[in-house]
Structures are given as structure tokens and as C-alpha cells.
Amino acid sequence: MVSRYDTLVVGRGMAGLPLALRAVRHSSVAFVEKETLGGTCLNRGCIPTKTMIASSTVAHQARRAAEFGVHVSAPDVDLAAVVDRKDRLVESIRRGSYRTVEKADDVDFFQAEGRFVGPRRLSVGGTEFDADRIFLAAGMRTAISRSTASTRRRTTPPGPCSISGAARSPDRDRRRVHRLRVRPDVPPLRTPGHRRATRPAAATR
């Protein structure tokens, strides 16, 4: 069985969802996503990262409190609580994305993986879809640079994009980092071009 649409959008991120909502004004739309709505930015990119950085900023400011004449005990960072806070924020925004799709009556949402099986034809969860226009907004996935991987294997000298220390550390992409509940004990990672910045004295005031 083949379902026919004017427009097929694959990918639920910051491009895919607005595109589907815009296209439905003029055509029938199928919206396909195999994971959760929100894309990289919401689920494992900007928003969760900046939410966790906000917690680290608070801890950093607390450690500097004496510089401002405020005396407090050393902060104790509970990484599990930091991650829980991040998850609550992300989930609240994600629920808004699902509500938006539910309200768009003319957008047919399919939460399944889509694969091309022919020109302008996708197989989605066992059903085939034809469309005149197919938009791919599937984003990207993390990969280790070849020079870093070779450093880990120690077969060739590190290249300009290699990360010093990566050979001694387990792979930690953003998916893994955002789920850590205990601070890992790993060596600092620095690129070959890294230079320690010298902060002007005025910047510490």
C-alpha cells in the first residue's frame, strides 16, 4: 500500500517542524521522525548544554564569592541534580512541540524511521509514501575525527584536528555527557593549538 502526499518532511528539529507547519498551508504533509521531537538543539545540543553550564556558572560564582566580600562555604555540585534539572527543562519544552503537532490537524505525524526505496518514495514503519517534494532535515551525528582516532590507535602522528588526551579517555559525545550523573575523572583535553589565556587584572574585579 502506498500513501500519497504533496510534501514529506523527514526530521523533527528546528528546521523540520516549522517547515512541516508552513507546508501544510498549501499541501498535504507527512512528517516523519524516528526519535523525539525537538531536534539536536533541544534534546542534546544548545538547550541541555547551556542549562548545565548555568549550574556550573552558579558554582563558579560561589567559589569567587570572597572576592566580592561574601563569605560562603565551598559549593558542593550534585551532578545528578544538575542533570535532573536539565531533563525537566528539556521535557517541558519538548511537550510544547508535541502539542503543536497535535493541533496541526492536517499534518500526519509518523514516529518511525524512514528509508528511501525508490525515487520520491519512502518506506516508513512498513508503509510506503510517495511525495512530489521531500525535505530531509535529519541533522547529523557525532563522529571522532580521523586524526583523533589515529592518535588513539597510535599508528600515525596526531594531525592538526587531533585532541591531546583523547587516547586516554573513553569516547564521550554529547549524548553520553548529558546523561552523566557522576563527575568523571579524566585528564583535561587540549587541542595542539591551545594556549592558556592570560586574563587582564581588570577582568577579575
C-alpha atoms as a PDB file:
ATOM      1  CA  MET A   1       0.000   0.000   0.000  1.00  0.00           C
ATOM      2  CA  VAL A   2       1.321   3.441  -0.957  1.00  0.00           C
ATOM      3  CA  SER A   3       0.153   6.667   0.699  1.00  0.00           C
ATOM      4  CA  ARG A   4       0.306   9.813  -1.381  1.00  0.00           C
ATOM      5  CA  TYR A   5       1.276  13.276  -0.047  1.00  0.00           C
ATOM      6  CA  ASP A   6       2.264  16.540  -1.654  1.00  0.00           C
ATOM      7  CA  THR A   7       5.092  17.105   0.833  1.00  0.00           C
ATOM      8  CA  LEU A   8       7.108  14.755   3.012  1.00  0.00           C
ATOM      9  CA  VAL A   9       9.337  16.157   5.777  1.00  0.00           C
ATOM     10  CA  VAL A  10      11.904  13.875   7.418  1.00  0.00           C
ATOM     11  CA  GLY A  11      13.390  15.246  10.633  1.00  0.00           C
ATOM     12  CA  ARG A  12      11.902  16.921  13.669  1.00  0.00           C
ATOM     13  CA  GLY A  13      14.440  19.612  14.511  1.00  0.00           C
ATOM     14  CA  MET A  14      14.479  23.386  14.398  1.00  0.00           C
ATOM     15  CA  ALA A  15      14.077  23.209  10.603  1.00  0.00           C
ATOM     16  CA  GLY A  16      11.800  20.196  10.142  1.00  0.00           C
ATOM     17  CA  LEU A  17       8.884  21.126  12.387  1.00  0.00           C
ATOM     18  CA  PRO A  18       8.484  24.755  11.190  1.00  0.00           C
ATOM     19  CA  LEU A  19       8.827  23.527   7.595  1.00  0.00           C
ATOM     20  CA  ALA A  20       6.040  20.978   8.048  1.00  0.00           C
ATOM     21  CA  LEU A  21       3.760  23.575   9.660  1.00  0.00           C
ATOM     22  CA  ARG A  22       4.416  26.036   6.847  1.00  0.00           C
ATOM     23  CA  ALA A  23       3.980  23.473   4.069  1.00  0.00           C
ATOM     24  CA  VAL A  24       0.617  22.301   5.382  1.00  0.00           C
ATOM     25  CA  ARG A  25      -0.851  25.697   4.495  1.00  0.00           C
ATOM     26  CA  HIS A  26      -0.566  24.765   0.845  1.00  0.00           C
ATOM     27  CA  SER A  27      -0.386  20.977   0.629  1.00  0.00           C
ATOM     28  CA  SER A  28      -0.907  17.623   2.330  1.00  0.00           C
ATOM     29  CA  VAL A  29       2.060  16.859   4.610  1.00  0.00           C
ATOM     30  CA  ALA A  30       3.557  13.753   6.185  1.00  0.00           C
ATOM     31  CA  PHE A  31       6.024  14.473   8.990  1.00  0.00           C
ATOM     32  CA  VAL A  32       8.432  11.649   9.839  1.00  0.00           C
ATOM     33  CA  GLU A  33      10.728  11.359  12.866  1.00  0.00           C
ATOM     34  CA  LYS A  34      12.211   8.225  14.415  1.00  0.00           C
ATOM     35  CA  GLU A  35      13.098   9.771  17.795  1.00  0.00           C
ATOM     36  CA  THR A  36      11.667  12.580  19.907  1.00  0.00           C
ATOM     37  CA  LEU A  37      10.622  15.997  18.635  1.00  0.00           C
ATOM     38  CA  GLY A  38      12.906  18.962  19.133  1.00  0.00           C
ATOM     39  CA  GLY A  39      15.999  18.038  17.181  1.00  0.00           C
ATOM     40  CA  THR A  40      19.598  18.324  18.284  1.00  0.00           C
ATOM     41  CA  CYS A  41      19.240  21.800  19.768  1.00  0.00           C
ATOM     42  CA  LEU A  42      16.581  20.764  22.262  1.00  0.00           C
ATOM     43  CA  ASN A  43      17.443  17.163  23.016  1.00  0.00           C
ATOM     44  CA  ARG A  44      21.253  17.062  23.113  1.00  0.00           C
ATOM     45  CA  GLY A  45      22.620  20.378  21.893  1.00  0.00           C
ATOM     46  CA  CYS A  46      22.212  24.018  22.822  1.00  0.00           C
ATOM     47  CA  ILE A  47      19.466  23.899  25.436  1.00  0.00           C
ATOM     48  CA  PRO A  48      20.624  20.988  27.631  1.00  0.00           C
ATOM     49  CA  THR A  49      24.252  22.109  27.368  1.00  0.00           C
ATOM     50  CA  LYS A  50      23.538  25.705  28.352  1.00  0.00           C
ATOM     51  CA  THR A  51      21.247  24.551  31.156  1.00  0.00           C
ATOM     52  CA  MET A  52      24.092  22.525  32.667  1.00  0.00           C
ATOM     53  CA  ILE A  53      26.568  25.363  32.077  1.00  0.00           C
ATOM     54  CA  ALA A  54      24.228  27.654  34.018  1.00  0.00           C
ATOM     55  CA  SER A  55      24.596  25.369  37.033  1.00  0.00           C
ATOM     56  CA  SER A  56      28.385  25.396  36.696  1.00  0.00           C
ATOM     57  CA  THR A  57      28.315  29.191  36.452  1.00  0.00           C
ATOM     58  CA  VAL A  58      26.483  29.401  39.776  1.00  0.00           C
ATOM     59  CA  ALA A  59      29.093  27.118  41.385  1.00  0.00           C
ATOM     60  CA  HIS A  60      31.906  29.195  39.881  1.00  0.00           C
ATOM     61  CA  GLN A  61      30.427  32.421  41.219  1.00  0.00           C
ATOM     62  CA  ALA A  62      30.005  30.851  44.662  1.00  0.00           C
ATOM     63  CA  ARG A  63      33.703  29.917  44.686  1.00  0.00           C
ATOM     64  CA  ARG A  64      34.592  33.535  43.909  1.00  0.00           C
ATOM     65  CA  ALA A  65      32.212  34.971  46.488  1.00  0.00           C
ATOM     66  CA  ALA A  66      35.018  36.066  48.827  1.00  0.00           C
ATOM     67  CA  GLU A  67      36.356  38.353  46.081  1.00  0.00           C
ATOM     68  CA  PHE A  68      33.136  40.322  46.433  1.00  0.00           C
ATOM     69  CA  GLY A  69      33.160  40.357  50.230  1.00  0.00           C
ATOM     70  CA  VAL A  70      30.691  37.478  50.565  1.00  0.00           C
ATOM     71  CA  HIS A  71      31.813  34.512  52.662  1.00  0.00           C
ATOM     72  CA  VAL A  72      30.131  31.164  51.974  1.00  0.00           C
ATOM     73  CA  SER A  73      31.190  27.569  52.303  1.00  0.00           C
ATOM     74  CA  ALA A  74      32.613  25.787  49.260  1.00  0.00           C
ATOM     75  CA  PRO A  75      29.799  24.727  46.888  1.00  0.00           C
ATOM     76  CA  ASP A  76      29.001  21.033  46.560  1.00  0.00           C
ATOM     77  CA  VAL A  77      27.887  20.286  42.993  1.00  0.00           C
ATOM     78  CA  ASP A  78      25.410  17.409  42.759  1.00  0.00           C
ATOM     79  CA  LEU A  79      25.766  16.389  39.114  1.00  0.00           C
ATOM     80  CA  ALA A  80      22.747  14.082  39.303  1.00  0.00           C
ATOM     81  CA  ALA A  81      20.588  17.017  40.439  1.00  0.00           C
ATOM     82  CA  VAL A  82      22.052  19.185  37.671  1.00  0.00           C
ATOM     83  CA  VAL A  83      21.102  16.540  35.099  1.00  0.00           C
ATOM     84  CA  ASP A  84      17.609  16.151  36.602  1.00  0.00           C
ATOM     85  CA  ARG A  85      17.042  19.907  36.325  1.00  0.00           C
ATOM     86  CA  LYS A  86      18.222  19.827  32.707  1.00  0.00           C
ATOM     87  CA  ASP A  87      15.891  16.914  31.913  1.00  0.00           C
ATOM     88  CA  ARG A  88      12.872  18.695  33.421  1.00  0.00           C
ATOM     89  CA  LEU A  89      13.515  21.817  31.368  1.00  0.00           C
ATOM     90  CA  VAL A  90      14.041  19.904  28.120  1.00  0.00           C
ATOM     91  CA  GLU A  91      10.935  17.790  28.688  1.00  0.00           C
ATOM     92  CA  SER A  92       8.758  20.842  29.323  1.00  0.00           C
ATOM     93  CA  ILE A  93       9.836  22.395  26.008  1.00  0.00           C
ATOM     94  CA  ARG A  94       9.504  19.075  24.176  1.00  0.00           C
ATOM     95  CA  ARG A  95       5.906  18.690  25.360  1.00  0.00           C
ATOM     96  CA  GLY A  96       5.182  22.026  23.693  1.00  0.00           C
ATOM     97  CA  SER A  97       6.467  20.653  20.372  1.00  0.00           C
ATOM     98  CA  TYR A  98       4.153  17.646  20.606  1.00  0.00           C
ATOM     99  CA  ARG A  99       1.185  19.880  21.442  1.00  0.00           C
ATOM    100  CA  THR A 100       1.973  21.984  18.376  1.00  0.00           C
ATOM    101  CA  VAL A 101       1.926  18.911  16.125  1.00  0.00           C
ATOM    102  CA  GLU A 102      -1.286  17.620  17.708  1.00  0.00           C
ATOM    103  CA  LYS A 103      -3.018  20.929  16.990  1.00  0.00           C
ATOM    104  CA  ALA A 104      -1.955  20.852  13.329  1.00  0.00           C
ATOM    105  CA  ASP A 105      -4.817  18.665  12.090  1.00  0.00           C
ATOM    106  CA  ASP A 106      -3.555  18.481   8.514  1.00  0.00           C
ATOM    107  CA  VAL A 107      -0.048  17.284   9.426  1.00  0.00           C
ATOM    108  CA  ASP A 108       0.155  13.486   9.630  1.00  0.00           C
ATOM    109  CA  PHE A 109       2.916  12.661  12.120  1.00  0.00           C
ATOM    110  CA  PHE A 110       4.680   9.288  11.914  1.00  0.00           C
ATOM    111  CA  GLN A 111       7.157   8.435  14.654  1.00  0.00           C
ATOM    112  CA  ALA A 112       9.219   5.849  12.803  1.00  0.00           C
ATOM    113  CA  GLU A 113      12.359   5.564  10.719  1.00  0.00           C
ATOM    114  CA  GLY A 114      12.091   6.465   7.044  1.00  0.00           C
ATOM    115  CA  ARG A 115      14.162   4.889   4.265  1.00  0.00           C
ATOM    116  CA  PHE A 116      14.209   5.624   0.563  1.00  0.00           C
ATOM    117  CA  VAL A 117      13.003   2.660  -1.502  1.00  0.00           C
ATOM    118  CA  GLY A 118      12.724   4.474  -4.809  1.00  0.00           C
ATOM    119  CA  PRO A 119      12.623   7.902  -6.458  1.00  0.00           C
ATOM    120  CA  ARG A 120      10.399  10.167  -4.333  1.00  0.00           C
ATOM    121  CA  ARG A 121       9.299   7.173  -2.278  1.00  0.00           C
ATOM    122  CA  LEU A 122       9.986   6.405   1.396  1.00  0.00           C
ATOM    123  CA  SER A 123       9.213   3.362   3.492  1.00  0.00           C
ATOM    124  CA  VAL A 124       8.085   4.404   6.973  1.00  0.00           C
ATOM    125  CA  GLY A 125       7.214   1.743   9.517  1.00  0.00           C
ATOM    126  CA  GLY A 126       6.195  -0.728   6.822  1.00  0.00           C
ATOM    127  CA  THR A 127       4.135   1.788   4.826  1.00  0.00           C
ATOM    128  CA  GLU A 128       5.379   3.405   1.643  1.00  0.00           C
ATOM    129  CA  PHE A 129       4.919   7.118   0.966  1.00  0.00           C
ATOM    130  CA  ASP A 130       5.090   8.976  -2.333  1.00  0.00           C
ATOM    131  CA  ALA A 131       5.553  12.742  -2.444  1.00  0.00           C
ATOM    132  CA  ASP A 132       6.335  15.411  -5.035  1.00  0.00           C
ATOM    133  CA  ARG A 133       8.547  17.245  -2.544  1.00  0.00           C
ATOM    134  CA  ILE A 134      10.703  15.505   0.065  1.00  0.00           C
ATOM    135  CA  PHE A 135      12.670  17.603   2.548  1.00  0.00           C
ATOM    136  CA  LEU A 136      15.462  15.989   4.568  1.00  0.00           C
ATOM    137  CA  ALA A 137      16.059  17.780   7.868  1.00  0.00           C
ATOM    138  CA  ALA A 138      17.600  14.816   9.623  1.00  0.00           C
ATOM    139  CA  GLY A 139      20.535  16.694  11.166  1.00  0.00           C
ATOM    140  CA  MET A 140      23.831  14.970  11.863  1.00  0.00           C
ATOM    141  CA  ARG A 141      25.552  12.535  14.189  1.00  0.00           C
ATOM    142  CA  THR A 142      28.787  12.796  16.157  1.00  0.00           C
ATOM    143  CA  ALA A 143      31.955  11.178  14.786  1.00  0.00           C
ATOM    144  CA  ILE A 144      35.532  11.042  16.031  1.00  0.00           C
ATOM    145  CA  SER A 145      37.912  12.900  13.717  1.00  0.00           C
ATOM    146  CA  ARG A 146      40.263  10.665  11.781  1.00  0.00           C
ATOM    147  CA  SER A 147      43.332  12.296  13.315  1.00  0.00           C
ATOM    148  CA  THR A 148      41.960  11.790  16.832  1.00  0.00           C
ATOM    149  CA  ALA A 149      41.102   8.170  16.062  1.00  0.00           C
ATOM    150  CA  SER A 150      44.602   7.573  14.724  1.00  0.00           C
ATOM    151  CA  THR A 151      46.011   9.124  17.900  1.00  0.00           C
ATOM    152  CA  ARG A 152      44.020   6.619  19.902  1.00  0.00           C
ATOM    153  CA  ARG A 153      45.380   3.756  17.782  1.00  0.00           C
ATOM    154  CA  ARG A 154      48.875   5.312  17.933  1.00  0.00           C
ATOM    155  CA  THR A 155      49.546   4.407  14.305  1.00  0.00           C
ATOM    156  CA  THR A 156      50.270   7.875  12.903  1.00  0.00           C
ATOM    157  CA  PRO A 157      51.355  11.220  14.357  1.00  0.00           C
ATOM    158  CA  PRO A 158      48.464  13.416  15.536  1.00  0.00           C
ATOM    159  CA  GLY A 159      47.128  15.762  12.904  1.00  0.00           C
ATOM    160  CA  PRO A 160      46.011  19.389  13.254  1.00  0.00           C
ATOM    161  CA  CYS A 161      42.499  18.368  14.369  1.00  0.00           C
ATOM    162  CA  SER A 162      43.565  15.783  16.932  1.00  0.00           C
ATOM    163  CA  ILE A 163      42.737  16.209  20.621  1.00  0.00           C
ATOM    164  CA  SER A 164      45.557  15.686  23.071  1.00  0.00           C
ATOM    165  CA  GLY A 165      44.479  13.253  25.799  1.00  0.00           C
ATOM    166  CA  ALA A 166      41.683  11.641  23.776  1.00  0.00           C
ATOM    167  CA  ALA A 167      43.605   8.369  23.612  1.00  0.00           C
ATOM    168  CA  ARG A 168      43.402   8.106  27.405  1.00  0.00           C
ATOM    169  CA  SER A 169      39.715   8.964  27.663  1.00  0.00           C
ATOM    170  CA  PRO A 170      36.610   6.983  26.719  1.00  0.00           C
ATOM    171  CA  ASP A 171      34.536   8.418  23.882  1.00  0.00           C
ATOM    172  CA  ARG A 172      32.108  10.955  25.313  1.00  0.00           C
ATOM    173  CA  ASP A 173      29.823  12.558  22.804  1.00  0.00           C
ATOM    174  CA  ARG A 174      27.044  14.937  23.820  1.00  0.00           C
ATOM    175  CA  ARG A 175      24.535  12.119  24.326  1.00  0.00           C
ATOM    176  CA  ARG A 176      26.765  10.479  26.929  1.00  0.00           C
ATOM    177  CA  VAL A 177      27.852  13.707  28.600  1.00  0.00           C
ATOM    178  CA  HIS A 178      24.273  14.853  29.130  1.00  0.00           C
ATOM    179  CA  ARG A 179      23.476  11.600  30.939  1.00  0.00           C
ATOM    180  CA  LEU A 180      26.475  11.556  33.285  1.00  0.00           C
ATOM    181  CA  ARG A 181      25.367  11.551  36.921  1.00  0.00           C
ATOM    182  CA  VAL A 182      28.829  11.324  38.486  1.00  0.00           C
ATOM    183  CA  ARG A 183      31.643  13.672  37.520  1.00  0.00           C
ATOM    184  CA  PRO A 184      34.179  11.651  35.509  1.00  0.00           C
ATOM    185  CA  ASP A 185      37.824  11.618  36.496  1.00  0.00           C
ATOM    186  CA  VAL A 186      39.512  12.328  33.171  1.00  0.00           C
ATOM    187  CA  PRO A 187      42.591  14.299  32.111  1.00  0.00           C
ATOM    188  CA  PRO A 188      41.965  17.758  30.642  1.00  0.00           C
ATOM    189  CA  LEU A 189      41.651  17.753  26.867  1.00  0.00           C
ATOM    190  CA  ARG A 190      43.514  20.403  24.894  1.00  0.00           C
ATOM    191  CA  THR A 191      43.984  20.858  21.180  1.00  0.00           C
ATOM    192  CA  PRO A 192      47.547  21.246  19.855  1.00  0.00           C
ATOM    193  CA  GLY A 193      46.902  24.949  19.238  1.00  0.00           C
ATOM    194  CA  HIS A 194      45.661  25.553  22.777  1.00  0.00           C
ATOM    195  CA  ARG A 195      47.288  28.392  24.665  1.00  0.00           C
ATOM    196  CA  ARG A 196      46.467  29.369  28.227  1.00  0.00           C
ATOM    197  CA  ALA A 197      44.832  32.771  28.123  1.00  0.00           C
ATOM    198  CA  THR A 198      46.221  35.478  30.372  1.00  0.00           C
ATOM    199  CA  ARG A 199      43.347  37.369  31.954  1.00  0.00           C
ATOM    200  CA  PRO A 200      43.897  41.117  32.404  1.00  0.00           C
ATOM    201  CA  ALA A 201      43.897  42.159  36.040  1.00  0.00           C
ATOM    202  CA  ALA A 202      40.881  44.431  35.472  1.00  0.00           C
ATOM    203  CA  ALA A 203      38.777  41.438  34.385  1.00  0.00           C
ATOM    204  CA  THR A 204      38.964  39.899  37.868  1.00  0.00           C
ATOM    205  CA  ARG A 205      37.311  42.818  39.597  1.00  0.00           C
END
